[in-house]
Amino acid sequence: MSDHTGLNPTLERYVTEHTRETELAARLRQETAQLPRGGMQTMSDQMAFLAVTLRLMQARRVIEVGTFTGYGSLIMASALPKDGRLVACDISKEWTDIAKRYWREAGVEDRIELRLAPAEKTLADLLKENGPGTFDLIFIDADKTGYDAYYEAGLKLVRQGGLIAFDNMLWGGAVADTFAQDADTKALRMLNAKIRDDERVDACLLTVADGMMLARKR
């Protein structure tokens, strides 16, 4: 989702203007913004934050659940070492065909493995293929009612000290609105509470973009 929860348009524009971004990434972001569902795109400051996080962790193996047109995977793959690997999970060939053009132009195509299948199946396959604790970070930005299942799968896949990051955890403020009782909002509200109380992780809910929940596996 492309809104910063709680920021007015002037401040949101300021944040975007003061976030470091390559010309190629900016071009992809602008192209995606013109699409009918362009609002699903992750924010530039959000992905810059994750890129710094990956470098701090010296991450080599990453999973992205929900790739869309590839802005997030482009930024994250660029933050990995040359022998790093990012598994991009999505179900749309149309959207990810756009992503592949930009990955190729950025020279990170060889670091990204795209899997077109329901994410729950892909995560189960990765656990069978690689074993538990074999990834450094998982970024989740897909169907909200599936977040809890992705969280549980992620806890198996990431190493001790690894990170699971969720997008849209404030959901435009709806999670704090008691009148909002749709399935997506209820799923996010329940997961925020679950992660807060989960002794398996250290957790932090950030007001970055539309809200990011970080869960570090203990």
C-alpha atoms as a PDB file:
ATOM      1  CA  MET A   1       0.000   0.000   0.000  1.00  0.00           C
ATOM      2  CA  SER A   2       1.420   3.371  -1.010  1.00  0.00           C
ATOM      3  CA  ASP A   3       0.235   5.637   1.826  1.00  0.00           C
ATOM      4  CA  HIS A   4       2.207   6.656   4.893  1.00  0.00           C
ATOM      5  CA  THR A   5      -0.261   6.247   7.750  1.00  0.00           C
ATOM      6  CA  GLY A   6      -0.730   9.576   9.537  1.00  0.00           C
ATOM      7  CA  LEU A   7       1.452  11.720   7.232  1.00  0.00           C
ATOM      8  CA  ASN A   8       0.030  14.669   5.346  1.00  0.00           C
ATOM      9  CA  PRO A   9       0.840  14.839   1.599  1.00  0.00           C
ATOM     10  CA  THR A  10       3.508  17.527   2.053  1.00  0.00           C
ATOM     11  CA  LEU A  11       5.438  15.516   4.637  1.00  0.00           C
ATOM     12  CA  GLU A  12       4.965  12.298   2.660  1.00  0.00           C
ATOM     13  CA  ARG A  13       6.473  14.012  -0.404  1.00  0.00           C
ATOM     14  CA  TYR A  14       9.375  15.282   1.741  1.00  0.00           C
ATOM     15  CA  VAL A  15      10.104  11.745   2.969  1.00  0.00           C
ATOM     16  CA  THR A  16      10.117  10.430  -0.592  1.00  0.00           C
ATOM     17  CA  GLU A  17      12.380  13.245  -1.806  1.00  0.00           C
ATOM     18  CA  HIS A  18      14.880  12.539   0.969  1.00  0.00           C
ATOM     19  CA  THR A  19      15.054   8.779   0.503  1.00  0.00           C
ATOM     20  CA  ARG A  20      18.004   7.529  -1.515  1.00  0.00           C
ATOM     21  CA  GLU A  21      16.846   5.719  -4.637  1.00  0.00           C
ATOM     22  CA  THR A  22      18.489   4.741  -7.909  1.00  0.00           C
ATOM     23  CA  GLU A  23      17.192   6.139 -11.187  1.00  0.00           C
ATOM     24  CA  LEU A  24      16.121   2.642 -12.197  1.00  0.00           C
ATOM     25  CA  ALA A  25      14.183   2.033  -8.981  1.00  0.00           C
ATOM     26  CA  ALA A  26      12.470   5.414  -9.326  1.00  0.00           C
ATOM     27  CA  ARG A  27      11.472   4.551 -12.883  1.00  0.00           C
ATOM     28  CA  LEU A  28       9.953   1.245 -11.752  1.00  0.00           C
ATOM     29  CA  ARG A  29       8.099   2.965  -8.917  1.00  0.00           C
ATOM     30  CA  GLN A  30       6.702   5.572 -11.316  1.00  0.00           C
ATOM     31  CA  GLU A  31       5.676   2.960 -13.895  1.00  0.00           C
ATOM     32  CA  THR A  32       3.933   0.901 -11.228  1.00  0.00           C
ATOM     33  CA  ALA A  33       2.082   3.949  -9.896  1.00  0.00           C
ATOM     34  CA  GLN A  34       0.303   4.206 -13.262  1.00  0.00           C
ATOM     35  CA  LEU A  35      -1.131   0.689 -13.061  1.00  0.00           C
ATOM     36  CA  PRO A  36      -4.739   0.116 -11.980  1.00  0.00           C
ATOM     37  CA  ARG A  37      -3.502  -1.550  -8.768  1.00  0.00           C
ATOM     38  CA  GLY A  38      -0.436   0.636  -8.349  1.00  0.00           C
ATOM     39  CA  GLY A  39      -1.380   1.387  -4.759  1.00  0.00           C
ATOM     40  CA  MET A  40      -0.146  -2.076  -3.765  1.00  0.00           C
ATOM     41  CA  GLN A  41       3.453  -0.967  -4.289  1.00  0.00           C
ATOM     42  CA  THR A  42       5.780  -0.734  -1.288  1.00  0.00           C
ATOM     43  CA  MET A  43       7.179   2.666  -0.304  1.00  0.00           C
ATOM     44  CA  SER A  44      10.702   3.819  -1.135  1.00  0.00           C
ATOM     45  CA  ASP A  45      11.603   4.690   2.476  1.00  0.00           C
ATOM     46  CA  GLN A  46      10.299   1.337   3.653  1.00  0.00           C
ATOM     47  CA  MET A  47      12.499  -0.568   1.235  1.00  0.00           C
ATOM     48  CA  ALA A  48      15.499   1.665   1.991  1.00  0.00           C
ATOM     49  CA  PHE A  49      15.017   0.702   5.640  1.00  0.00           C
ATOM     50  CA  LEU A  50      14.978  -2.997   4.767  1.00  0.00           C
ATOM     51  CA  ALA A  51      18.040  -2.621   2.527  1.00  0.00           C
ATOM     52  CA  VAL A  52      20.010  -1.121   5.427  1.00  0.00           C
ATOM     53  CA  THR A  53      18.684  -3.883   7.689  1.00  0.00           C
ATOM     54  CA  LEU A  54      19.870  -6.572   5.272  1.00  0.00           C
ATOM     55  CA  ARG A  55      23.331  -5.047   5.167  1.00  0.00           C
ATOM     56  CA  LEU A  56      23.470  -4.778   8.969  1.00  0.00           C
ATOM     57  CA  MET A  57      22.503  -8.446   9.220  1.00  0.00           C
ATOM     58  CA  GLN A  58      24.978  -9.388   6.475  1.00  0.00           C
ATOM     59  CA  ALA A  59      22.050 -11.302   5.009  1.00  0.00           C
ATOM     60  CA  ARG A  60      22.541 -13.717   2.147  1.00  0.00           C
ATOM     61  CA  ARG A  61      19.205 -15.520   1.847  1.00  0.00           C
ATOM     62  CA  VAL A  62      15.864 -13.705   1.688  1.00  0.00           C
ATOM     63  CA  ILE A  63      12.253 -14.585   0.900  1.00  0.00           C
ATOM     64  CA  GLU A  64       9.708 -12.072  -0.381  1.00  0.00           C
ATOM     65  CA  VAL A  65       6.035 -13.046  -0.114  1.00  0.00           C
ATOM     66  CA  GLY A  66       4.158 -10.840  -2.559  1.00  0.00           C
ATOM     67  CA  THR A  67       6.338  -9.437  -5.332  1.00  0.00           C
ATOM     68  CA  PHE A  68       3.915  -7.452  -7.528  1.00  0.00           C
ATOM     69  CA  THR A  69       6.054  -5.508 -10.057  1.00  0.00           C
ATOM     70  CA  GLY A  70       9.304  -6.136  -8.224  1.00  0.00           C
ATOM     71  CA  TYR A  71      10.196  -2.838  -6.557  1.00  0.00           C
ATOM     72  CA  GLY A  72      10.876  -4.423  -3.188  1.00  0.00           C
ATOM     73  CA  SER A  73      12.775  -7.386  -4.597  1.00  0.00           C
ATOM     74  CA  LEU A  74      14.883  -5.054  -6.752  1.00  0.00           C
ATOM     75  CA  ILE A  75      15.933  -3.037  -3.688  1.00  0.00           C
ATOM     76  CA  MET A  76      16.527  -6.054  -1.465  1.00  0.00           C
ATOM     77  CA  ALA A  77      18.425  -8.070  -4.075  1.00  0.00           C
ATOM     78  CA  SER A  78      20.663  -5.063  -4.694  1.00  0.00           C
ATOM     79  CA  ALA A  79      21.521  -5.068  -0.967  1.00  0.00           C
ATOM     80  CA  LEU A  80      22.645  -8.697  -1.051  1.00  0.00           C
ATOM     81  CA  PRO A  81      26.163  -9.876  -1.910  1.00  0.00           C
ATOM     82  CA  LYS A  82      26.702 -11.173  -5.442  1.00  0.00           C
ATOM     83  CA  ASP A  83      26.209 -14.753  -4.315  1.00  0.00           C
ATOM     84  CA  GLY A  84      23.082 -13.851  -2.318  1.00  0.00           C
ATOM     85  CA  ARG A  85      19.697 -15.322  -3.134  1.00  0.00           C
ATOM     86  CA  LEU A  86      16.180 -13.904  -2.954  1.00  0.00           C
ATOM     87  CA  VAL A  87      13.158 -16.135  -3.506  1.00  0.00           C
ATOM     88  CA  ALA A  88      10.271 -14.037  -4.843  1.00  0.00           C
ATOM     89  CA  CYS A  89       6.803 -15.526  -4.296  1.00  0.00           C
ATOM     90  CA  ASP A  90       3.813 -14.368  -6.315  1.00  0.00           C
ATOM     91  CA  ILE A  91       0.912 -15.710  -8.356  1.00  0.00           C
ATOM     92  CA  SER A  92       0.835 -13.187 -11.219  1.00  0.00           C
ATOM     93  CA  LYS A  93       2.896 -13.663 -14.369  1.00  0.00           C
ATOM     94  CA  GLU A  94       1.616 -10.325 -15.714  1.00  0.00           C
ATOM     95  CA  TRP A  95       2.960  -8.277 -12.803  1.00  0.00           C
ATOM     96  CA  THR A  96       6.186 -10.211 -12.362  1.00  0.00           C
ATOM     97  CA  ASP A  97       6.992  -9.916 -16.073  1.00  0.00           C
ATOM     98  CA  ILE A  98       7.422  -6.195 -15.334  1.00  0.00           C
ATOM     99  CA  ALA A  99       9.626  -7.089 -12.390  1.00  0.00           C
ATOM    100  CA  LYS A 100      11.891  -9.300 -14.498  1.00  0.00           C
ATOM    101  CA  ARG A 101      12.597  -6.465 -16.931  1.00  0.00           C
ATOM    102  CA  TYR A 102      13.907  -4.296 -14.123  1.00  0.00           C
ATOM    103  CA  TRP A 103      15.807  -7.088 -12.374  1.00  0.00           C
ATOM    104  CA  ARG A 104      17.587  -7.771 -15.654  1.00  0.00           C
ATOM    105  CA  GLU A 105      18.413  -4.120 -16.241  1.00  0.00           C
ATOM    106  CA  ALA A 106      19.722  -3.747 -12.671  1.00  0.00           C
ATOM    107  CA  GLY A 107      21.972  -6.777 -13.051  1.00  0.00           C
ATOM    108  CA  VAL A 108      20.397  -8.661 -10.129  1.00  0.00           C
ATOM    109  CA  GLU A 109      18.349 -11.175 -12.093  1.00  0.00           C
ATOM    110  CA  ASP A 110      20.760 -13.974 -11.192  1.00  0.00           C
ATOM    111  CA  ARG A 111      20.178 -13.334  -7.462  1.00  0.00           C
ATOM    112  CA  ILE A 112      16.390 -13.714  -7.712  1.00  0.00           C
ATOM    113  CA  GLU A 113      14.428 -16.940  -8.043  1.00  0.00           C
ATOM    114  CA  LEU A 114      10.793 -16.287  -8.965  1.00  0.00           C
ATOM    115  CA  ARG A 115       8.236 -18.895  -7.945  1.00  0.00           C
ATOM    116  CA  LEU A 116       4.705 -18.481  -9.292  1.00  0.00           C
ATOM    117  CA  ALA A 117       2.462 -20.435  -6.924  1.00  0.00           C
ATOM    118  CA  PRO A 118       0.394 -19.831  -3.790  1.00  0.00           C
ATOM    119  CA  ALA A 119       2.833 -18.580  -1.169  1.00  0.00           C
ATOM    120  CA  GLU A 120       1.865 -21.139   1.465  1.00  0.00           C
ATOM    121  CA  LYS A 121       2.867 -23.929  -0.933  1.00  0.00           C
ATOM    122  CA  THR A 122       6.107 -22.187  -1.899  1.00  0.00           C
ATOM    123  CA  LEU A 123       7.078 -21.713   1.748  1.00  0.00           C
ATOM    124  CA  ALA A 124       6.353 -25.379   2.477  1.00  0.00           C
ATOM    125  CA  ASP A 125       8.462 -26.377  -0.532  1.00  0.00           C
ATOM    126  CA  LEU A 126      11.346 -24.178   0.612  1.00  0.00           C
ATOM    127  CA  LEU A 127      11.263 -25.801   4.042  1.00  0.00           C
ATOM    128  CA  LYS A 128      11.483 -29.268   2.455  1.00  0.00           C
ATOM    129  CA  GLU A 129      14.221 -28.235   0.034  1.00  0.00           C
ATOM    130  CA  ASN A 130      16.416 -26.177   2.366  1.00  0.00           C
ATOM    131  CA  GLY A 131      15.495 -27.267   5.870  1.00  0.00           C
ATOM    132  CA  PRO A 132      14.630 -25.094   8.884  1.00  0.00           C
ATOM    133  CA  GLY A 133      16.587 -21.998   9.847  1.00  0.00           C
ATOM    134  CA  THR A 134      18.108 -21.448   6.414  1.00  0.00           C
ATOM    135  CA  PHE A 135      16.969 -17.896   5.595  1.00  0.00           C
ATOM    136  CA  ASP A 136      17.972 -14.562   7.103  1.00  0.00           C
ATOM    137  CA  LEU A 137      14.879 -12.455   6.405  1.00  0.00           C
ATOM    138  CA  ILE A 138      11.355 -12.838   5.098  1.00  0.00           C
ATOM    139  CA  PHE A 139       9.372  -9.810   3.907  1.00  0.00           C
ATOM    140  CA  ILE A 140       5.624 -10.389   3.724  1.00  0.00           C
ATOM    141  CA  ASP A 141       3.311  -8.141   1.717  1.00  0.00           C
ATOM    142  CA  ALA A 142       0.539 -10.300   0.297  1.00  0.00           C
ATOM    143  CA  ASP A 143      -3.033 -11.358   1.150  1.00  0.00           C
ATOM    144  CA  LYS A 144      -3.695 -10.171   4.680  1.00  0.00           C
ATOM    145  CA  THR A 145      -5.807 -13.134   5.754  1.00  0.00           C
ATOM    146  CA  GLY A 146      -2.827 -15.346   4.933  1.00  0.00           C
ATOM    147  CA  TYR A 147      -0.385 -13.427   7.148  1.00  0.00           C
ATOM    148  CA  ASP A 148      -0.715 -15.708  10.169  1.00  0.00           C
ATOM    149  CA  ALA A 149       0.106 -18.801   8.105  1.00  0.00           C
ATOM    150  CA  TYR A 150       3.072 -17.010   6.532  1.00  0.00           C
ATOM    151  CA  TYR A 151       4.268 -16.005   9.999  1.00  0.00           C
ATOM    152  CA  GLU A 152       4.225 -19.585  11.260  1.00  0.00           C
ATOM    153  CA  ALA A 153       6.003 -20.813   8.140  1.00  0.00           C
ATOM    154  CA  GLY A 154       8.494 -17.975   8.454  1.00  0.00           C
ATOM    155  CA  LEU A 155       9.379 -18.950  12.009  1.00  0.00           C
ATOM    156  CA  LYS A 156      10.454 -22.333  10.686  1.00  0.00           C
ATOM    157  CA  LEU A 157      12.401 -20.931   7.742  1.00  0.00           C
ATOM    158  CA  VAL A 158      14.405 -18.113   9.353  1.00  0.00           C
ATOM    159  CA  ARG A 159      17.501 -18.748  11.444  1.00  0.00           C
ATOM    160  CA  GLN A 160      17.857 -17.752  15.072  1.00  0.00           C
ATOM    161  CA  GLY A 161      18.306 -13.993  14.980  1.00  0.00           C
ATOM    162  CA  GLY A 162      16.572 -13.867  11.597  1.00  0.00           C
ATOM    163  CA  LEU A 163      13.822 -11.366  10.849  1.00  0.00           C
ATOM    164  CA  ILE A 164      10.236 -11.557   9.626  1.00  0.00           C
ATOM    165  CA  ALA A 165       8.924  -8.203   8.395  1.00  0.00           C
ATOM    166  CA  PHE A 166       5.262  -7.515   7.600  1.00  0.00           C
ATOM    167  CA  ASP A 167       3.880  -4.618   5.568  1.00  0.00           C
ATOM    168  CA  ASN A 168       0.526  -2.835   6.064  1.00  0.00           C
ATOM    169  CA  MET A 169       0.220  -3.654   9.755  1.00  0.00           C
ATOM    170  CA  LEU A 170      -1.552  -0.355  10.486  1.00  0.00           C
ATOM    171  CA  TRP A 171      -3.799  -0.737   7.428  1.00  0.00           C
ATOM    172  CA  GLY A 172      -4.424   2.954   7.002  1.00  0.00           C
ATOM    173  CA  GLY A 173      -5.375   3.210  10.677  1.00  0.00           C
ATOM    174  CA  ALA A 174      -8.176   0.648  10.390  1.00  0.00           C
ATOM    175  CA  VAL A 175      -6.592  -1.695  12.955  1.00  0.00           C
ATOM    176  CA  ALA A 176      -7.309   0.906  15.652  1.00  0.00           C
ATOM    177  CA  ASP A 177     -10.879   1.548  14.456  1.00  0.00           C
ATOM    178  CA  THR A 178     -13.292  -0.636  16.394  1.00  0.00           C
ATOM    179  CA  PHE A 179     -15.917  -0.163  13.664  1.00  0.00           C
ATOM    180  CA  ALA A 180     -13.647  -1.812  11.063  1.00  0.00           C
ATOM    181  CA  GLN A 181     -14.546  -5.504  11.155  1.00  0.00           C
ATOM    182  CA  ASP A 182     -13.696  -6.723   7.643  1.00  0.00           C
ATOM    183  CA  ALA A 183     -11.663  -9.906   7.294  1.00  0.00           C
ATOM    184  CA  ASP A 184      -8.373  -8.200   6.369  1.00  0.00           C
ATOM    185  CA  THR A 185      -8.475  -5.732   9.255  1.00  0.00           C
ATOM    186  CA  LYS A 186      -9.406  -8.427  11.767  1.00  0.00           C
ATOM    187  CA  ALA A 187      -6.570 -10.653  10.534  1.00  0.00           C
ATOM    188  CA  LEU A 188      -3.991  -7.861  10.900  1.00  0.00           C
ATOM    189  CA  ARG A 189      -5.330  -6.806  14.294  1.00  0.00           C
ATOM    190  CA  MET A 190      -5.113 -10.372  15.607  1.00  0.00           C
ATOM    191  CA  LEU A 191      -1.605 -10.879  14.238  1.00  0.00           C
ATOM    192  CA  ASN A 192      -0.327  -7.637  15.762  1.00  0.00           C
ATOM    193  CA  ALA A 193      -1.526  -8.854  19.160  1.00  0.00           C
ATOM    194  CA  LYS A 194      -0.205 -12.367  18.601  1.00  0.00           C
ATOM    195  CA  ILE A 195       3.296 -11.208  17.688  1.00  0.00           C
ATOM    196  CA  ARG A 196       3.362  -8.725  20.579  1.00  0.00           C
ATOM    197  CA  ASP A 197       2.732 -11.589  23.001  1.00  0.00           C
ATOM    198  CA  ASP A 198       4.767 -14.280  21.225  1.00  0.00           C
ATOM    199  CA  GLU A 199       7.718 -15.431  23.353  1.00  0.00           C
ATOM    200  CA  ARG A 200       9.363 -16.954  20.277  1.00  0.00           C
ATOM    201  CA  VAL A 201      10.300 -13.508  18.961  1.00  0.00           C
ATOM    202  CA  ASP A 202      11.406 -10.002  19.843  1.00  0.00           C
ATOM    203  CA  ALA A 203       8.936  -7.642  18.190  1.00  0.00           C
ATOM    204  CA  CYS A 204       8.515  -4.019  17.195  1.00  0.00           C
ATOM    205  CA  LEU A 205       5.583  -2.347  15.418  1.00  0.00           C
ATOM    206  CA  LEU A 206       6.900   0.603  13.404  1.00  0.00           C
ATOM    207  CA  THR A 207       5.051   3.568  11.915  1.00  0.00           C
ATOM    208  CA  VAL A 208       7.025   3.259   8.676  1.00  0.00           C
ATOM    209  CA  ALA A 209       4.887   3.566   5.527  1.00  0.00           C
ATOM    210  CA  ASP A 210       1.566   1.813   6.282  1.00  0.00           C
ATOM    211  CA  GLY A 211       3.008   0.165   9.374  1.00  0.00           C
ATOM    212  CA  MET A 212       5.711  -2.496   9.590  1.00  0.00           C
ATOM    213  CA  MET A 213       5.861  -5.259  12.174  1.00  0.00           C
ATOM    214  CA  LEU A 214       9.342  -6.675  12.767  1.00  0.00           C
ATOM    215  CA  ALA A 215       9.662 -10.041  14.494  1.00  0.00           C
ATOM    216  CA  ARG A 216      13.179 -11.272  15.324  1.00  0.00           C
ATOM    217  CA  LYS A 217      13.363 -15.005  15.987  1.00  0.00           C
ATOM    218  CA  ARG A 218      14.902 -15.744  19.363  1.00  0.00           C
END
